[in-house]
Amino acid sequence: MVLPQDESFMRLAILQAQKAAACNEVPVGAV
């Protein structure tokens, strides 16, 4: 099962990844 916390974290990670991609920066987690 996916807990609300996991879903929130996943959405946040995706948002950061999209933002990084838009800025042509390194992917989240590579920092």
PDB file of N, CA and C in Angstrom:
ATOM      1  N   MET A   1       0.849  -1.208   0.000  1.00  0.00           N
ATOM      2  CA  MET A   1       0.000   0.000   0.000  1.00  0.00           C
ATOM      3  C   MET A   1       0.882   1.255   0.000  1.00  0.00           C
ATOM      4  N   VAL A   2       0.349   2.304  -0.585  1.00  0.00           N
ATOM      5  CA  VAL A   2       1.085   3.564  -0.621  1.00  0.00           C
ATOM      6  C   VAL A   2       0.493   4.512   0.417  1.00  0.00           C
ATOM      7  N   LEU A   3       1.290   4.882   1.372  1.00  0.00           N
ATOM      8  CA  LEU A   3       0.811   5.777   2.422  1.00  0.00           C
ATOM      9  C   LEU A   3       0.790   7.218   1.916  1.00  0.00           C
ATOM     10  N   PRO A   4      -0.066   8.057   2.494  1.00  0.00           N
ATOM     11  CA  PRO A   4      -0.159   9.462   2.086  1.00  0.00           C
ATOM     12  C   PRO A   4       1.200  10.156   2.125  1.00  0.00           C
ATOM     13  N   GLN A   5       2.015   9.810   3.113  1.00  0.00           N
ATOM     14  CA  GLN A   5       3.333  10.428   3.240  1.00  0.00           C
ATOM     15  C   GLN A   5       4.199  10.057   2.042  1.00  0.00           C
ATOM     16  N   ASP A   6       4.126   8.784   1.632  1.00  0.00           N
ATOM     17  CA  ASP A   6       4.923   8.328   0.498  1.00  0.00           C
ATOM     18  C   ASP A   6       4.461   9.028  -0.776  1.00  0.00           C
ATOM     19  N   GLU A   7       3.139   9.179  -0.908  1.00  0.00           N
ATOM     20  CA  GLU A   7       2.593   9.834  -2.102  1.00  0.00           C
ATOM     21  C   GLU A   7       3.043  11.289  -2.147  1.00  0.00           C
ATOM     22  N   SER A   8       3.006  11.944  -1.010  1.00  0.00           N
ATOM     23  CA  SER A   8       3.407  13.343  -0.947  1.00  0.00           C
ATOM     24  C   SER A   8       4.881  13.486  -1.302  1.00  0.00           C
ATOM     25  N   PHE A   9       5.703  12.584  -0.751  1.00  0.00           N
ATOM     26  CA  PHE A   9       7.146  12.623  -1.026  1.00  0.00           C
ATOM     27  C   PHE A   9       7.418  12.366  -2.500  1.00  0.00           C
ATOM     28  N   MET A  10       6.660  11.412  -3.066  1.00  0.00           N
ATOM     29  CA  MET A  10       6.843  11.067  -4.482  1.00  0.00           C
ATOM     30  C   MET A  10       6.499  12.257  -5.365  1.00  0.00           C
ATOM     31  N   ARG A  11       5.376  12.906  -5.060  1.00  0.00           N
ATOM     32  CA  ARG A  11       4.949  14.060  -5.862  1.00  0.00           C
ATOM     33  C   ARG A  11       5.970  15.181  -5.737  1.00  0.00           C
ATOM     34  N   LEU A  12       6.528  15.355  -4.534  1.00  0.00           N
ATOM     35  CA  LEU A  12       7.517  16.399  -4.318  1.00  0.00           C
ATOM     36  C   LEU A  12       8.779  16.094  -5.121  1.00  0.00           C
ATOM     37  N   ALA A  13       9.188  14.828  -5.121  1.00  0.00           N
ATOM     38  CA  ALA A  13      10.384  14.422  -5.862  1.00  0.00           C
ATOM     39  C   ALA A  13      10.189  14.652  -7.359  1.00  0.00           C
ATOM     40  N   ILE A  14       8.986  14.325  -7.847  1.00  0.00           N
ATOM     41  CA  ILE A  14       8.686  14.523  -9.271  1.00  0.00           C
ATOM     42  C   ILE A  14       8.704  16.010  -9.599  1.00  0.00           C
ATOM     43  N   LEU A  15       8.143  16.815  -8.712  1.00  0.00           N
ATOM     44  CA  LEU A  15       8.109  18.256  -8.938  1.00  0.00           C
ATOM     45  C   LEU A  15       9.530  18.815  -9.015  1.00  0.00           C
ATOM     46  N   GLN A  16      10.385  18.376  -8.103  1.00  0.00           N
ATOM     47  CA  GLN A  16      11.771  18.838  -8.086  1.00  0.00           C
ATOM     48  C   GLN A  16      12.500  18.388  -9.344  1.00  0.00           C
ATOM     49  N   ALA A  17      12.210  17.156  -9.784  1.00  0.00           N
ATOM     50  CA  ALA A  17      12.857  16.616 -10.983  1.00  0.00           C
ATOM     51  C   ALA A  17      12.454  17.436 -12.204  1.00  0.00           C
ATOM     52  N   GLN A  18      11.172  17.786 -12.293  1.00  0.00           N
ATOM     53  CA  GLN A  18      10.682  18.578 -13.417  1.00  0.00           C
ATOM     54  C   GLN A  18      11.301  19.973 -13.381  1.00  0.00           C
ATOM     55  N   LYS A  19      11.410  20.538 -12.191  1.00  0.00           N
ATOM     56  CA  LYS A  19      11.991  21.870 -12.048  1.00  0.00           C
ATOM     57  C   LYS A  19      13.461  21.851 -12.446  1.00  0.00           C
ATOM     58  N   ALA A  20      14.176  20.800 -12.023  1.00  0.00           N
ATOM     59  CA  ALA A  20      15.590  20.674 -12.354  1.00  0.00           C
ATOM     60  C   ALA A  20      15.770  20.500 -13.858  1.00  0.00           C
ATOM     61  N   ALA A  21      14.885  19.715 -14.470  1.00  0.00           N
ATOM     62  CA  ALA A  21      14.967  19.473 -15.911  1.00  0.00           C
ATOM     63  C   ALA A  21      14.716  20.777 -16.666  1.00  0.00           C
ATOM     64  N   ALA A  22      13.805  21.586 -16.156  1.00  0.00           N
ATOM     65  CA  ALA A  22      13.476  22.847 -16.807  1.00  0.00           C
ATOM     66  C   ALA A  22      14.666  23.806 -16.733  1.00  0.00           C
ATOM     67  N   CYS A  23      15.461  23.659 -15.694  1.00  0.00           N
ATOM     68  CA  CYS A  23      16.625  24.528 -15.502  1.00  0.00           C
ATOM     69  C   CYS A  23      17.883  23.881 -16.067  1.00  0.00           C
ATOM     70  N   ASN A  24      17.722  22.678 -16.634  1.00  0.00           N
ATOM     71  CA  ASN A  24      18.869  21.944 -17.185  1.00  0.00           C
ATOM     72  C   ASN A  24      19.904  21.673 -16.104  1.00  0.00           C
ATOM     73  N   GLU A  25      19.433  21.456 -14.892  1.00  0.00           N
ATOM     74  CA  GLU A  25      20.330  21.169 -13.783  1.00  0.00           C
ATOM     75  C   GLU A  25      20.445  19.667 -13.597  1.00  0.00           C
ATOM     76  N   VAL A  26      21.325  19.259 -12.688  1.00  0.00           N
ATOM     77  CA  VAL A  26      21.496  17.829 -12.431  1.00  0.00           C
ATOM     78  C   VAL A  26      20.238  17.289 -11.771  1.00  0.00           C
ATOM     79  N   PRO A  27      19.904  16.015 -11.986  1.00  0.00           N
ATOM     80  CA  PRO A  27      18.709  15.406 -11.391  1.00  0.00           C
ATOM     81  C   PRO A  27      18.766  15.439  -9.870  1.00  0.00           C
ATOM     82  N   VAL A  28      17.591  15.422  -9.240  1.00  0.00           N
ATOM     83  CA  VAL A  28      17.527  15.425  -7.783  1.00  0.00           C
ATOM     84  C   VAL A  28      18.133  14.133  -7.258  1.00  0.00           C
ATOM     85  N   GLY A  29      19.010  14.233  -6.267  1.00  0.00           N
ATOM     86  CA  GLY A  29      19.641  13.043  -5.703  1.00  0.00           C
ATOM     87  C   GLY A  29      21.091  12.954  -6.146  1.00  0.00           C
ATOM     88  N   ALA A  30      21.443  13.668  -7.194  1.00  0.00           N
ATOM     89  CA  ALA A  30      22.823  13.645  -7.673  1.00  0.00           C
ATOM     90  C   ALA A  30      23.630  14.741  -6.981  1.00  0.00           C
ATOM     91  N   VAL A  31      22.920  15.614  -6.280  1.00  0.00           N
ATOM     92  CA  VAL A  31      23.585  16.718  -5.598  1.00  0.00           C
ATOM     93  C   VAL A  31      24.346  16.194  -4.403  1.00  0.00           C
TER      94      VAL A  31
END
